Amino acid sequence: MFFKSKKAVDTTATINQIENAVYEQMKKYGFRKFGRTLHRFVSGDMSQVINFQCGQAYRDETHLMWVNVGIRVPECVARSFDFENTKKYYHEYDCNIRTRLGAVKSRDSSKTTTFDLRKNTEKITREITAEIIDCVLPVFDLLSSRQAVLEHRREYPYFDTTNSHLILLEEAMIYGHLGEIEKAAETFELYYTQARQEDRHIGHIEYLDELRKKLKL
């Protein structure tokens, strides 16, 4: 495939070109393409996602792109022990463990990469593909089961930039899904105590009170 550098950019065509080239490398790892999302299920119903995000027009950023990655444990998002997937794939924003390229390679959540689509497309594609294969897939492969998420999630803070403050709550959801109700209740109470001590918003505390009742903890 031939790529060329350009100052003016056809955003849609350029992202398509990059994503299609990356997808060619990801298919062998079980990913399938859905629009701007590359997705695979692991452990039956956990999602692992690579998403290509274009900048906003109102900010004059359509020449910019970010690559988001995420892991979705269904019960953590649904806050239900018995939730079942109903879709063929899930978006990155549906994931509870999320980050962006740049942060993964540097192991620093503040160092995300902004790709300028006016620059050499082949170089951008190589950079994205290399970081996914060398840095993202090893974490995906490790965190590919609920037990692994329970045991190893905390080892990857740069991979967990959205919901890291909810780890205890999400672990309670996983324990509940696995049928370990006593452990779920114990972990939920640890999170509840933490939220009270950190003086979280009263609305969140009220939500937790209702969630406890719903989950019968």
N, C-alpha and C. Protein backbone atom coordinates (compact mmCIF):
# COMPACT_ATOMS: atom_id res chain seq x y z
N MET A 1 0.85 -1.20 0.00
CA MET A 1 0.00 0.00 0.00
C MET A 1 0.88 1.24 0.00
N PHE A 2 0.54 2.24 -0.83
CA PHE A 2 1.34 3.46 -0.94
C PHE A 2 0.70 4.58 -0.15
N PHE A 3 1.50 5.23 0.68
CA PHE A 3 1.04 6.36 1.46
C PHE A 3 1.85 7.58 1.06
N LYS A 4 1.28 8.73 1.20
CA LYS A 4 2.04 9.94 0.91
C LYS A 4 1.71 11.01 1.92
N SER A 5 2.70 11.90 2.14
CA SER A 5 2.52 13.00 3.06
C SER A 5 1.76 14.12 2.36
N LYS A 6 1.00 14.89 3.13
CA LYS A 6 0.23 15.96 2.51
C LYS A 6 -0.07 17.04 3.53
N LYS A 7 -0.23 18.27 3.07
CA LYS A 7 -0.55 19.38 3.97
C LYS A 7 -2.05 19.45 4.16
N ALA A 8 -2.81 19.48 3.04
CA ALA A 8 -4.26 19.41 3.15
C ALA A 8 -4.61 17.95 3.36
N VAL A 9 -5.70 17.69 4.08
CA VAL A 9 -6.01 16.30 4.39
C VAL A 9 -7.49 16.00 4.21
N ASP A 10 -7.76 14.88 3.57
CA ASP A 10 -9.12 14.34 3.51
C ASP A 10 -9.22 13.43 4.74
N THR A 11 -9.83 13.95 5.80
CA THR A 11 -9.81 13.27 7.09
C THR A 11 -10.38 11.86 7.01
N THR A 12 -11.55 11.72 6.42
CA THR A 12 -12.20 10.41 6.35
C THR A 12 -11.34 9.41 5.60
N ALA A 13 -10.84 9.82 4.44
CA ALA A 13 -10.03 8.90 3.64
C ALA A 13 -8.73 8.53 4.35
N THR A 14 -8.13 9.50 5.02
CA THR A 14 -6.85 9.23 5.69
C THR A 14 -7.02 8.31 6.88
N ILE A 15 -8.04 8.56 7.70
CA ILE A 15 -8.28 7.67 8.84
C ILE A 15 -8.65 6.28 8.34
N ASN A 16 -9.45 6.20 7.29
CA ASN A 16 -9.79 4.90 6.72
C ASN A 16 -8.53 4.15 6.31
N GLN A 17 -7.62 4.87 5.66
CA GLN A 17 -6.39 4.26 5.19
C GLN A 17 -5.56 3.72 6.35
N ILE A 18 -5.43 4.53 7.38
CA ILE A 18 -4.65 4.11 8.56
C ILE A 18 -5.33 2.94 9.27
N GLU A 19 -6.63 3.09 9.52
CA GLU A 19 -7.34 2.05 10.26
C GLU A 19 -7.33 0.73 9.50
N ASN A 20 -7.55 0.78 8.19
CA ASN A 20 -7.56 -0.46 7.41
C ASN A 20 -6.20 -1.16 7.44
N ALA A 21 -5.12 -0.36 7.40
CA ALA A 21 -3.78 -0.94 7.45
C ALA A 21 -3.52 -1.57 8.83
N VAL A 22 -3.94 -0.88 9.89
CA VAL A 22 -3.78 -1.44 11.24
C VAL A 22 -4.63 -2.70 11.39
N TYR A 23 -5.85 -2.65 10.87
CA TYR A 23 -6.74 -3.80 10.98
C TYR A 23 -6.17 -5.04 10.30
N GLU A 24 -5.48 -4.84 9.20
CA GLU A 24 -4.86 -5.98 8.52
C GLU A 24 -3.90 -6.72 9.46
N GLN A 25 -3.27 -5.98 10.36
CA GLN A 25 -2.37 -6.60 11.32
C GLN A 25 -3.10 -7.17 12.53
N MET A 26 -4.28 -6.63 12.83
CA MET A 26 -5.01 -7.02 14.04
C MET A 26 -5.94 -8.20 13.82
N LYS A 27 -6.30 -8.48 12.58
CA LYS A 27 -7.24 -9.58 12.33
C LYS A 27 -6.75 -10.90 12.88
N LYS A 28 -5.46 -11.14 12.78
CA LYS A 28 -4.93 -12.42 13.23
C LYS A 28 -5.00 -12.57 14.74
N TYR A 29 -5.23 -11.46 15.44
CA TYR A 29 -5.37 -11.50 16.90
C TYR A 29 -6.84 -11.58 17.33
N GLY A 30 -7.73 -11.74 16.34
CA GLY A 30 -9.14 -11.92 16.67
C GLY A 30 -9.98 -10.67 16.66
N PHE A 31 -9.41 -9.54 16.23
CA PHE A 31 -10.19 -8.30 16.18
C PHE A 31 -11.05 -8.25 14.92
N ARG A 32 -12.21 -7.61 15.05
CA ARG A 32 -13.08 -7.37 13.92
C ARG A 32 -13.36 -5.87 13.84
N LYS A 33 -13.60 -5.39 12.65
CA LYS A 33 -13.75 -3.95 12.41
C LYS A 33 -15.22 -3.57 12.37
N PHE A 34 -15.57 -2.53 13.14
CA PHE A 34 -16.92 -1.97 13.16
C PHE A 34 -16.77 -0.45 13.12
N GLY A 35 -16.89 0.12 11.94
CA GLY A 35 -16.70 1.57 11.82
C GLY A 35 -15.31 1.97 12.24
N ARG A 36 -15.22 2.87 13.22
CA ARG A 36 -13.92 3.33 13.72
C ARG A 36 -13.41 2.48 14.88
N THR A 37 -14.02 1.33 15.09
CA THR A 37 -13.69 0.49 16.23
C THR A 37 -13.19 -0.88 15.79
N LEU A 38 -12.07 -1.31 16.37
CA LEU A 38 -11.61 -2.68 16.24
C LEU A 38 -11.91 -3.37 17.57
N HIS A 39 -12.56 -4.51 17.52
CA HIS A 39 -13.11 -5.11 18.74
C HIS A 39 -12.90 -6.62 18.73
N ARG A 40 -12.64 -7.16 19.94
CA ARG A 40 -12.67 -8.60 20.10
C ARG A 40 -13.24 -8.93 21.48
N PHE A 41 -13.91 -10.07 21.58
CA PHE A 41 -14.36 -10.58 22.86
C PHE A 41 -13.31 -11.55 23.39
N VAL A 42 -13.08 -11.51 24.70
CA VAL A 42 -12.23 -12.48 25.39
C VAL A 42 -13.00 -13.01 26.59
N SER A 43 -12.66 -14.20 27.02
CA SER A 43 -13.39 -14.85 28.13
C SER A 43 -14.89 -14.84 27.88
N GLY A 44 -15.27 -14.92 26.62
CA GLY A 44 -16.68 -15.00 26.27
C GLY A 44 -17.35 -13.66 26.08
N ASP A 45 -17.30 -12.80 27.12
CA ASP A 45 -18.10 -11.58 27.06
C ASP A 45 -17.37 -10.30 27.45
N MET A 46 -16.07 -10.38 27.71
CA MET A 46 -15.29 -9.17 27.98
C MET A 46 -14.82 -8.58 26.65
N SER A 47 -14.94 -7.26 26.51
CA SER A 47 -14.54 -6.59 25.28
C SER A 47 -13.15 -5.99 25.40
N GLN A 48 -12.40 -6.05 24.30
CA GLN A 48 -11.15 -5.31 24.17
C GLN A 48 -11.24 -4.51 22.88
N VAL A 49 -10.93 -3.21 22.99
CA VAL A 49 -11.30 -2.27 21.95
C VAL A 49 -10.13 -1.36 21.57
N ILE A 50 -10.02 -1.11 20.26
CA ILE A 50 -9.11 -0.09 19.73
C ILE A 50 -9.98 0.86 18.90
N ASN A 51 -9.92 2.14 19.21
CA ASN A 51 -10.80 3.12 18.57
C ASN A 51 -10.01 4.28 17.99
N PHE A 52 -10.38 4.69 16.76
CA PHE A 52 -9.73 5.81 16.08
C PHE A 52 -10.64 7.03 16.18
N GLN A 53 -10.18 8.05 16.89
CA GLN A 53 -11.00 9.23 17.18
C GLN A 53 -10.46 10.46 16.47
N CYS A 54 -11.32 11.08 15.68
CA CYS A 54 -10.97 12.30 14.96
C CYS A 54 -11.27 13.53 15.82
N GLY A 55 -10.49 14.59 15.64
CA GLY A 55 -10.73 15.83 16.35
C GLY A 55 -12.02 16.51 15.93
N GLN A 56 -12.49 17.43 16.76
CA GLN A 56 -13.77 18.10 16.53
C GLN A 56 -13.64 19.26 15.54
N ALA A 57 -14.63 19.39 14.66
CA ALA A 57 -14.61 20.45 13.66
C ALA A 57 -14.71 21.83 14.30
N TYR A 58 -15.54 21.96 15.36
CA TYR A 58 -15.74 23.27 15.96
C TYR A 58 -14.47 23.79 16.63
N ARG A 59 -13.52 22.89 16.87
CA ARG A 59 -12.24 23.28 17.44
C ARG A 59 -11.14 23.32 16.38
N ASP A 60 -11.57 23.14 15.12
CA ASP A 60 -10.62 23.13 14.00
C ASP A 60 -9.55 22.06 14.19
N GLU A 61 -10.00 20.87 14.59
CA GLU A 61 -9.06 19.79 14.90
C GLU A 61 -9.30 18.54 14.05
N THR A 62 -9.98 18.69 12.92
CA THR A 62 -10.30 17.51 12.13
C THR A 62 -9.06 16.89 11.48
N HIS A 63 -7.95 17.58 11.51
CA HIS A 63 -6.70 17.02 11.00
C HIS A 63 -5.95 16.23 12.07
N LEU A 64 -6.53 16.13 13.27
CA LEU A 64 -5.90 15.43 14.38
C LEU A 64 -6.63 14.13 14.70
N MET A 65 -5.91 13.17 15.24
CA MET A 65 -6.50 11.87 15.57
C MET A 65 -5.84 11.31 16.83
N TRP A 66 -6.65 10.62 17.61
CA TRP A 66 -6.16 9.89 18.78
C TRP A 66 -6.59 8.43 18.65
N VAL A 67 -5.82 7.55 19.24
CA VAL A 67 -6.18 6.14 19.23
C VAL A 67 -6.44 5.72 20.68
N ASN A 68 -7.69 5.39 20.96
CA ASN A 68 -8.13 5.01 22.30
C ASN A 68 -8.17 3.49 22.41
N VAL A 69 -7.86 2.98 23.58
CA VAL A 69 -7.97 1.54 23.82
C VAL A 69 -8.73 1.31 25.12
N GLY A 70 -9.42 0.19 25.19
CA GLY A 70 -10.21 -0.06 26.39
C GLY A 70 -10.53 -1.52 26.60
N ILE A 71 -10.87 -1.83 27.84
CA ILE A 71 -11.33 -3.17 28.24
C ILE A 71 -12.66 -2.99 28.95
N ARG A 72 -13.63 -3.80 28.57
CA ARG A 72 -14.95 -3.70 29.17
C ARG A 72 -15.31 -5.00 29.88
N VAL A 73 -15.50 -4.91 31.19
CA VAL A 73 -16.02 -6.02 31.97
C VAL A 73 -17.50 -5.71 32.18
N PRO A 74 -18.41 -6.45 31.57
CA PRO A 74 -19.82 -6.05 31.50
C PRO A 74 -20.47 -5.66 32.82
N GLU A 75 -20.29 -6.46 33.86
CA GLU A 75 -20.98 -6.15 35.12
C GLU A 75 -20.45 -4.88 35.77
N CYS A 76 -19.20 -4.52 35.47
CA CYS A 76 -18.64 -3.29 36.03
C CYS A 76 -19.32 -2.06 35.45
N VAL A 77 -19.71 -2.16 34.19
CA VAL A 77 -20.38 -1.05 33.52
C VAL A 77 -21.86 -1.03 33.85
N ALA A 78 -22.48 -2.22 33.83
CA ALA A 78 -23.93 -2.33 34.06
C ALA A 78 -24.31 -2.23 35.52
N ARG A 79 -23.35 -2.45 36.42
CA ARG A 79 -23.60 -2.51 37.87
C ARG A 79 -24.70 -3.52 38.18
N SER A 80 -24.52 -4.68 37.57
CA SER A 80 -25.45 -5.79 37.77
C SER A 80 -24.66 -7.08 37.72
N PHE A 81 -24.87 -7.96 38.69
CA PHE A 81 -24.13 -9.21 38.72
C PHE A 81 -24.48 -10.13 37.55
N ASP A 82 -25.68 -10.00 37.02
CA ASP A 82 -26.19 -10.96 36.04
C ASP A 82 -26.32 -10.37 34.64
N PHE A 83 -25.66 -9.25 34.38
CA PHE A 83 -25.79 -8.61 33.07
C PHE A 83 -25.26 -9.49 31.95
N GLU A 84 -25.96 -9.49 30.81
CA GLU A 84 -25.50 -10.22 29.63
C GLU A 84 -25.38 -9.27 28.45
N ASN A 85 -24.34 -9.44 27.64
CA ASN A 85 -24.15 -8.60 26.46
C ASN A 85 -25.30 -8.79 25.47
N THR A 86 -25.65 -7.71 24.80
CA THR A 86 -26.71 -7.76 23.79
C THR A 86 -26.23 -7.25 22.43
N LYS A 87 -24.97 -6.83 22.34
CA LYS A 87 -24.46 -6.23 21.11
C LYS A 87 -23.32 -7.06 20.52
N LYS A 88 -23.09 -6.86 19.21
CA LYS A 88 -22.01 -7.55 18.53
C LYS A 88 -20.65 -6.99 18.92
N TYR A 89 -20.64 -5.72 19.32
CA TYR A 89 -19.39 -5.09 19.74
C TYR A 89 -19.72 -3.93 20.64
N TYR A 90 -18.71 -3.43 21.35
CA TYR A 90 -18.89 -2.27 22.21
C TYR A 90 -17.82 -1.23 21.89
N HIS A 91 -18.19 0.03 22.08
CA HIS A 91 -17.29 1.13 21.80
C HIS A 91 -16.29 1.31 22.94
N GLU A 92 -15.25 2.08 22.66
CA GLU A 92 -14.26 2.37 23.69
C GLU A 92 -14.89 3.11 24.86
N TYR A 93 -15.86 3.99 24.59
CA TYR A 93 -16.48 4.73 25.68
C TYR A 93 -17.40 3.85 26.52
N ASP A 94 -17.65 2.62 26.08
CA ASP A 94 -18.40 1.66 26.88
C ASP A 94 -17.50 0.89 27.85
N CYS A 95 -16.20 1.09 27.75
CA CYS A 95 -15.24 0.33 28.54
C CYS A 95 -15.03 0.98 29.91
N ASN A 96 -14.70 0.17 30.88
CA ASN A 96 -14.41 0.70 32.22
C ASN A 96 -12.92 0.84 32.49
N ILE A 97 -12.08 0.21 31.67
CA ILE A 97 -10.63 0.38 31.76
C ILE A 97 -10.18 1.01 30.44
N ARG A 98 -9.67 2.24 30.49
CA ARG A 98 -9.46 2.99 29.25
C ARG A 98 -8.17 3.80 29.29
N THR A 99 -7.59 3.99 28.10
CA THR A 99 -6.43 4.86 27.96
C THR A 99 -6.27 5.23 26.49
N ARG A 100 -5.15 5.88 26.15
CA ARG A 100 -4.85 6.25 24.77
C ARG A 100 -3.41 5.85 24.43
N LEU A 101 -3.17 5.67 23.14
CA LEU A 101 -1.79 5.44 22.73
C LEU A 101 -0.93 6.63 23.15
N GLY A 102 0.31 6.35 23.38
CA GLY A 102 1.21 7.35 23.93
C GLY A 102 1.36 7.10 25.41
N ALA A 103 0.24 7.08 26.11
CA ALA A 103 0.26 6.76 27.54
C ALA A 103 0.73 5.33 27.77
N VAL A 104 0.37 4.43 26.85
CA VAL A 104 0.73 3.03 27.02
C VAL A 104 2.23 2.85 26.82
N LYS A 105 2.74 3.40 25.73
CA LYS A 105 4.18 3.25 25.43
C LYS A 105 5.05 3.90 26.49
N SER A 106 4.65 5.09 26.94
CA SER A 106 5.44 5.83 27.92
C SER A 106 5.18 5.38 29.35
N ARG A 107 4.09 4.62 29.55
CA ARG A 107 3.63 4.23 30.89
C ARG A 107 3.37 5.46 31.76
N ASP A 108 2.85 6.49 31.10
CA ASP A 108 2.56 7.75 31.76
C ASP A 108 1.24 8.27 31.21
N SER A 109 0.19 8.31 32.04
CA SER A 109 -1.15 8.67 31.57
C SER A 109 -1.23 10.09 31.04
N SER A 110 -0.26 10.94 31.36
CA SER A 110 -0.29 12.33 30.88
C SER A 110 0.34 12.48 29.50
N LYS A 111 0.93 11.43 28.98
CA LYS A 111 1.67 11.53 27.71
C LYS A 111 0.95 10.80 26.59
N THR A 112 -0.23 11.27 26.24
CA THR A 112 -0.96 10.68 25.13
C THR A 112 -0.45 11.26 23.81
N THR A 113 -0.59 10.50 22.75
CA THR A 113 -0.10 10.92 21.43
C THR A 113 -1.23 11.49 20.60
N THR A 114 -1.00 12.68 20.05
CA THR A 114 -1.91 13.29 19.08
C THR A 114 -1.29 13.12 17.70
N PHE A 115 -1.99 12.41 16.82
CA PHE A 115 -1.48 12.16 15.48
C PHE A 115 -1.98 13.25 14.54
N ASP A 116 -1.06 13.91 13.84
CA ASP A 116 -1.40 14.95 12.87
C ASP A 116 -1.53 14.30 11.50
N LEU A 117 -2.76 14.24 11.00
CA LEU A 117 -3.04 13.54 9.76
C LEU A 117 -2.47 14.22 8.53
N ARG A 118 -1.92 15.42 8.69
CA ARG A 118 -1.27 16.11 7.57
C ARG A 118 0.15 15.58 7.35
N LYS A 119 0.63 14.82 8.32
CA LYS A 119 1.98 14.27 8.21
C LYS A 119 1.97 12.92 7.52
N ASN A 120 3.14 12.31 7.41
CA ASN A 120 3.29 11.09 6.64
C ASN A 120 2.42 9.96 7.19
N THR A 121 1.52 9.50 6.38
CA THR A 121 0.54 8.50 6.81
C THR A 121 1.19 7.14 7.08
N GLU A 122 2.17 6.80 6.29
CA GLU A 122 2.84 5.52 6.49
C GLU A 122 3.56 5.49 7.84
N LYS A 123 4.21 6.58 8.18
CA LYS A 123 4.91 6.66 9.46
C LYS A 123 3.94 6.57 10.62
N ILE A 124 2.79 7.28 10.52
CA ILE A 124 1.76 7.23 11.56
C ILE A 124 1.26 5.79 11.74
N THR A 125 1.01 5.12 10.62
CA THR A 125 0.51 3.75 10.68
C THR A 125 1.51 2.82 11.35
N ARG A 126 2.78 2.97 11.01
CA ARG A 126 3.81 2.14 11.63
C ARG A 126 3.88 2.38 13.13
N GLU A 127 3.79 3.66 13.52
CA GLU A 127 3.87 4.01 14.94
C GLU A 127 2.70 3.41 15.72
N ILE A 128 1.50 3.54 15.17
CA ILE A 128 0.31 3.00 15.82
C ILE A 128 0.39 1.48 15.93
N THR A 129 0.72 0.83 14.83
CA THR A 129 0.77 -0.63 14.81
C THR A 129 1.81 -1.16 15.79
N ALA A 130 2.97 -0.52 15.83
CA ALA A 130 4.04 -0.97 16.72
C ALA A 130 3.64 -0.84 18.18
N GLU A 131 3.01 0.29 18.55
CA GLU A 131 2.62 0.46 19.94
C GLU A 131 1.53 -0.52 20.35
N ILE A 132 0.60 -0.78 19.44
CA ILE A 132 -0.46 -1.74 19.76
C ILE A 132 0.13 -3.14 19.97
N ILE A 133 0.98 -3.57 19.04
CA ILE A 133 1.53 -4.92 19.13
C ILE A 133 2.50 -5.06 20.31
N ASP A 134 3.36 -4.07 20.48
CA ASP A 134 4.41 -4.18 21.50
C ASP A 134 3.93 -3.84 22.91
N CYS A 135 2.96 -2.94 23.02
CA CYS A 135 2.60 -2.41 24.34
C CYS A 135 1.15 -2.69 24.75
N VAL A 136 0.22 -2.59 23.80
CA VAL A 136 -1.20 -2.77 24.14
C VAL A 136 -1.57 -4.24 24.24
N LEU A 137 -1.22 -5.02 23.22
CA LEU A 137 -1.64 -6.42 23.21
C LEU A 137 -1.13 -7.21 24.41
N PRO A 138 0.10 -6.98 24.90
CA PRO A 138 0.52 -7.71 26.11
C PRO A 138 -0.38 -7.44 27.31
N VAL A 139 -0.85 -6.19 27.45
CA VAL A 139 -1.77 -5.88 28.55
C VAL A 139 -3.14 -6.50 28.28
N PHE A 140 -3.61 -6.39 27.05
CA PHE A 140 -4.86 -7.04 26.67
C PHE A 140 -4.80 -8.54 26.98
N ASP A 141 -3.69 -9.16 26.60
CA ASP A 141 -3.58 -10.61 26.78
C ASP A 141 -3.54 -10.99 28.26
N LEU A 142 -2.91 -10.16 29.08
CA LEU A 142 -2.89 -10.45 30.51
C LEU A 142 -4.25 -10.20 31.13
N LEU A 143 -4.85 -9.05 30.86
CA LEU A 143 -6.13 -8.69 31.47
C LEU A 143 -7.29 -9.22 30.62
N SER A 144 -7.25 -10.51 30.34
CA SER A 144 -8.25 -11.11 29.44
C SER A 144 -9.24 -12.01 30.18
N SER A 145 -9.21 -11.97 31.50
CA SER A 145 -10.18 -12.70 32.30
C SER A 145 -10.51 -11.89 33.53
N ARG A 146 -11.61 -12.20 34.16
CA ARG A 146 -12.00 -11.46 35.37
C ARG A 146 -10.98 -11.66 36.49
N GLN A 147 -10.51 -12.89 36.64
CA GLN A 147 -9.53 -13.16 37.70
C GLN A 147 -8.26 -12.35 37.47
N ALA A 148 -7.85 -12.25 36.22
CA ALA A 148 -6.65 -11.47 35.91
C ALA A 148 -6.86 -9.99 36.19
N VAL A 149 -8.05 -9.48 35.91
CA VAL A 149 -8.35 -8.08 36.22
C VAL A 149 -8.28 -7.86 37.72
N LEU A 150 -8.84 -8.79 38.49
CA LEU A 150 -8.78 -8.67 39.95
C LEU A 150 -7.34 -8.68 40.45
N GLU A 151 -6.51 -9.51 39.86
CA GLU A 151 -5.15 -9.70 40.35
C GLU A 151 -4.15 -8.67 39.85
N HIS A 152 -4.38 -8.15 38.61
CA HIS A 152 -3.31 -7.37 37.98
C HIS A 152 -3.69 -5.95 37.54
N ARG A 153 -4.95 -5.57 37.66
CA ARG A 153 -5.35 -4.25 37.16
C ARG A 153 -4.53 -3.12 37.75
N ARG A 154 -4.26 -3.19 39.02
CA ARG A 154 -3.54 -2.11 39.70
C ARG A 154 -2.10 -1.94 39.22
N GLU A 155 -1.59 -2.94 38.52
CA GLU A 155 -0.22 -2.87 38.01
C GLU A 155 -0.11 -1.97 36.78
N TYR A 156 -1.26 -1.55 36.23
CA TYR A 156 -1.26 -0.79 34.98
C TYR A 156 -2.06 0.51 35.11
N PRO A 157 -1.63 1.42 35.99
CA PRO A 157 -2.38 2.68 36.17
C PRO A 157 -2.45 3.52 34.90
N TYR A 158 -1.44 3.45 34.06
CA TYR A 158 -1.43 4.22 32.80
C TYR A 158 -2.41 3.66 31.79
N PHE A 159 -2.92 2.46 32.06
CA PHE A 159 -3.90 1.81 31.19
C PHE A 159 -5.31 2.00 31.73
N ASP A 160 -5.42 2.75 32.81
CA ASP A 160 -6.68 2.81 33.57
C ASP A 160 -6.93 4.25 34.00
N THR A 161 -7.14 5.12 33.03
CA THR A 161 -7.15 6.56 33.30
C THR A 161 -8.53 7.15 33.57
N THR A 162 -9.56 6.33 33.51
CA THR A 162 -10.93 6.86 33.67
C THR A 162 -11.58 6.43 34.98
N ASN A 163 -11.51 5.13 35.28
CA ASN A 163 -12.27 4.59 36.42
C ASN A 163 -11.39 4.06 37.54
N SER A 164 -10.14 4.48 37.61
CA SER A 164 -9.25 3.91 38.63
C SER A 164 -9.74 4.20 40.04
N HIS A 165 -10.50 5.30 40.20
CA HIS A 165 -11.05 5.62 41.53
C HIS A 165 -12.21 4.70 41.90
N LEU A 166 -12.67 3.90 40.93
CA LEU A 166 -13.80 2.99 41.16
C LEU A 166 -13.37 1.53 41.26
N ILE A 167 -12.08 1.29 41.39
CA ILE A 167 -11.58 -0.09 41.34
C ILE A 167 -12.28 -0.99 42.36
N LEU A 168 -12.39 -0.56 43.59
CA LEU A 168 -13.03 -1.41 44.60
C LEU A 168 -14.48 -1.71 44.26
N LEU A 169 -15.19 -0.71 43.79
CA LEU A 169 -16.59 -0.92 43.40
C LEU A 169 -16.68 -1.91 42.25
N GLU A 170 -15.81 -1.76 41.27
CA GLU A 170 -15.84 -2.66 40.12
C GLU A 170 -15.39 -4.07 40.50
N GLU A 171 -14.46 -4.18 41.44
CA GLU A 171 -14.08 -5.50 41.93
C GLU A 171 -15.24 -6.17 42.65
N ALA A 172 -16.03 -5.39 43.37
CA ALA A 172 -17.22 -5.94 44.03
C ALA A 172 -18.18 -6.51 42.98
N MET A 173 -18.31 -5.81 41.87
CA MET A 173 -19.20 -6.28 40.80
C MET A 173 -18.68 -7.59 40.20
N ILE A 174 -17.38 -7.68 40.04
CA ILE A 174 -16.80 -8.91 39.47
C ILE A 174 -16.99 -10.09 40.43
N TYR A 175 -16.71 -9.85 41.71
CA TYR A 175 -16.92 -10.93 42.69
C TYR A 175 -18.38 -11.40 42.68
N GLY A 176 -19.30 -10.44 42.61
CA GLY A 176 -20.71 -10.80 42.57
C GLY A 176 -21.05 -11.62 41.35
N HIS A 177 -20.52 -11.22 40.20
CA HIS A 177 -20.75 -11.97 38.96
C HIS A 177 -20.21 -13.38 39.07
N LEU A 178 -19.08 -13.53 39.76
CA LEU A 178 -18.47 -14.86 39.92
C LEU A 178 -19.15 -15.69 41.00
N GLY A 179 -20.16 -15.12 41.65
CA GLY A 179 -20.90 -15.85 42.68
C GLY A 179 -20.29 -15.77 44.06
N GLU A 180 -19.26 -14.96 44.24
CA GLU A 180 -18.61 -14.80 45.54
C GLU A 180 -19.27 -13.63 46.28
N ILE A 181 -20.47 -13.85 46.75
CA ILE A 181 -21.30 -12.77 47.28
C ILE A 181 -20.71 -12.17 48.56
N GLU A 182 -20.18 -13.01 49.42
CA GLU A 182 -19.58 -12.46 50.66
C GLU A 182 -18.40 -11.55 50.33
N LYS A 183 -17.58 -11.97 49.39
CA LYS A 183 -16.44 -11.15 48.98
C LYS A 183 -16.93 -9.88 48.29
N ALA A 184 -18.00 -9.98 47.52
CA ALA A 184 -18.57 -8.81 46.86
C ALA A 184 -19.05 -7.81 47.90
N ALA A 185 -19.76 -8.29 48.93
CA ALA A 185 -20.27 -7.41 49.98
C ALA A 185 -19.13 -6.75 50.75
N GLU A 186 -18.10 -7.53 51.05
CA GLU A 186 -16.95 -7.00 51.78
C GLU A 186 -16.24 -5.90 50.98
N THR A 187 -16.06 -6.14 49.68
CA THR A 187 -15.36 -5.17 48.84
C THR A 187 -16.22 -3.94 48.60
N PHE A 188 -17.53 -4.15 48.47
CA PHE A 188 -18.45 -3.02 48.33
C PHE A 188 -18.36 -2.11 49.55
N GLU A 189 -18.33 -2.70 50.73
CA GLU A 189 -18.26 -1.91 51.96
C GLU A 189 -16.93 -1.16 52.06
N LEU A 190 -15.86 -1.75 51.59
CA LEU A 190 -14.58 -1.05 51.57
C LEU A 190 -14.66 0.19 50.68
N TYR A 191 -15.30 0.01 49.51
CA TYR A 191 -15.46 1.16 48.62
C TYR A 191 -16.37 2.22 49.24
N TYR A 192 -17.46 1.77 49.86
CA TYR A 192 -18.42 2.70 50.47
C TYR A 192 -17.73 3.53 51.56
N THR A 193 -16.95 2.87 52.38
CA THR A 193 -16.21 3.57 53.44
C THR A 193 -15.22 4.56 52.84
N GLN A 194 -14.55 4.13 51.81
CA GLN A 194 -13.59 5.01 51.14
C GLN A 194 -14.29 6.25 50.58
N ALA A 195 -15.45 6.05 49.95
CA ALA A 195 -16.19 7.16 49.37
C ALA A 195 -16.64 8.15 50.45
N ARG A 196 -17.07 7.64 51.58
CA ARG A 196 -17.47 8.52 52.68
C ARG A 196 -16.27 9.28 53.24
N GLN A 197 -15.17 8.59 53.40
CA GLN A 197 -13.97 9.23 53.95
C GLN A 197 -13.42 10.31 53.02
N GLU A 198 -13.57 10.08 51.72
CA GLU A 198 -13.08 11.06 50.74
C GLU A 198 -14.11 12.14 50.46
N ASP A 199 -15.23 12.08 51.19
CA ASP A 199 -16.28 13.09 51.08
C ASP A 199 -16.77 13.23 49.64
N ARG A 200 -17.05 12.06 49.03
CA ARG A 200 -17.61 12.07 47.68
C ARG A 200 -18.96 12.77 47.69
N HIS A 201 -19.41 13.20 46.52
CA HIS A 201 -20.67 13.92 46.39
C HIS A 201 -21.81 13.12 47.01
N ILE A 202 -22.70 13.81 47.70
CA ILE A 202 -23.80 13.14 48.39
C ILE A 202 -24.64 12.31 47.43
N GLY A 203 -24.74 12.77 46.18
CA GLY A 203 -25.50 12.02 45.19
C GLY A 203 -24.89 10.65 44.92
N HIS A 204 -23.57 10.57 44.98
CA HIS A 204 -22.91 9.28 44.77
C HIS A 204 -23.15 8.36 45.96
N ILE A 205 -23.12 8.90 47.15
CA ILE A 205 -23.38 8.09 48.34
C ILE A 205 -24.81 7.55 48.30
N GLU A 206 -25.75 8.39 47.91
CA GLU A 206 -27.14 7.94 47.80
C GLU A 206 -27.27 6.86 46.73
N TYR A 207 -26.52 7.02 45.64
CA TYR A 207 -26.52 6.00 44.58
C TYR A 207 -26.02 4.67 45.13
N LEU A 208 -24.95 4.72 45.93
CA LEU A 208 -24.41 3.49 46.51
C LEU A 208 -25.40 2.83 47.46
N ASP A 209 -26.13 3.64 48.21
CA ASP A 209 -27.15 3.08 49.11
C ASP A 209 -28.20 2.32 48.31
N GLU A 210 -28.63 2.91 47.20
CA GLU A 210 -29.63 2.24 46.35
C GLU A 210 -29.05 1.01 45.67
N LEU A 211 -27.78 1.10 45.25
CA LEU A 211 -27.14 -0.03 44.58
C LEU A 211 -26.99 -1.20 45.54
N ARG A 212 -26.65 -0.93 46.78
CA ARG A 212 -26.55 -1.99 47.79
C ARG A 212 -27.87 -2.76 47.90
N LYS A 213 -28.98 -1.99 47.93
CA LYS A 213 -30.30 -2.63 48.02
C LYS A 213 -30.58 -3.46 46.77
N LYS A 214 -30.28 -2.88 45.62
CA LYS A 214 -30.53 -3.59 44.35
C LYS A 214 -29.75 -4.89 44.28
N LEU A 215 -28.50 -4.85 44.75
CA LEU A 215 -27.64 -6.03 44.67
C LEU A 215 -27.85 -6.99 45.85
N LYS A 216 -28.65 -6.54 46.83
CA LYS A 216 -28.96 -7.35 48.03
C LYS A 216 -27.68 -7.70 48.80
N LEU A 217 -26.87 -6.69 49.00
CA LEU A 217 -25.62 -6.89 49.74
C LEU A 217 -25.79 -6.50 51.19
